[in-house]
Amino acid sequence: MNNVMVVVLTPDEAMKELDKNLEKTCEIMGLLYHSYGIELTDDEFDKVFDIINR
């Protein structure tokens, strides 16, 4: 038998969670750029955002 977890989020809660994840992604991009001179493309940014969003 499998266990199932149901999570109910309001639209406001979901947007706050996305905002937190976007902020984390931007912090990572800033760190990479300022510390190592590495700039991410939009595609790379999307990939990092997807990883953080999991």
Protein backbone atom coordinates (compact mmCIF):
# COMPACT_ATOMS: atom_id res chain seq x y z
CA MET A 1 0.00 0.00 0.00
CA ASN A 2 1.35 3.43 -0.97
CA ASN A 3 1.12 6.46 1.25
CA VAL A 4 -0.22 9.61 -0.34
CA MET A 5 0.34 13.14 0.92
CA VAL A 6 -1.99 15.88 -0.20
CA VAL A 7 -0.85 19.48 0.20
CA VAL A 8 -3.30 22.29 -0.35
CA LEU A 9 -1.86 25.72 -1.11
CA THR A 10 -3.70 28.92 -1.67
CA PRO A 11 -2.62 30.98 -4.68
CA ASP A 12 -0.97 33.48 -2.30
CA GLU A 13 1.03 30.75 -0.58
CA ALA A 14 2.09 29.30 -3.93
CA MET A 15 3.25 32.71 -5.17
CA LYS A 16 5.23 33.31 -1.95
CA GLU A 17 6.94 29.94 -2.41
CA LEU A 18 7.81 30.77 -6.03
CA ASP A 19 9.12 34.18 -4.96
CA LYS A 20 11.41 32.54 -2.36
CA ASN A 21 12.73 30.11 -4.96
CA LEU A 22 13.28 32.89 -7.49
CA GLU A 23 15.17 34.90 -4.87
CA LYS A 24 17.39 31.87 -4.10
CA THR A 25 18.10 31.41 -7.80
CA CYS A 26 19.04 35.08 -8.19
CA GLU A 27 21.35 34.84 -5.16
CA ILE A 28 23.11 31.85 -6.74
CA MET A 29 23.47 33.74 -10.04
CA GLY A 30 24.87 36.77 -8.20
CA LEU A 31 27.35 34.62 -6.32
CA LEU A 32 28.54 32.94 -9.51
CA TYR A 33 28.93 36.26 -11.29
CA HIS A 34 30.59 38.23 -8.48
CA SER A 35 32.84 35.44 -7.22
CA TYR A 36 33.79 33.70 -10.44
CA GLY A 37 32.73 35.97 -13.30
CA ILE A 38 30.29 33.33 -14.56
CA GLU A 39 27.13 34.55 -16.24
CA LEU A 40 24.20 32.21 -16.84
CA THR A 41 22.07 32.22 -19.95
CA ASP A 42 18.29 32.32 -19.66
CA ASP A 43 18.19 28.57 -20.32
CA GLU A 44 20.73 27.89 -17.57
CA PHE A 45 18.80 30.17 -15.21
CA ASP A 46 15.63 28.16 -15.94
CA LYS A 47 17.45 24.91 -15.17
CA VAL A 48 18.75 26.21 -11.82
CA PHE A 49 15.29 27.55 -10.97
CA ASP A 50 13.74 24.16 -11.79
CA ILE A 51 16.23 22.38 -9.51
CA ILE A 52 15.51 24.74 -6.61
CA ASN A 53 11.78 24.51 -7.25
CA ARG A 54 11.69 20.71 -6.75
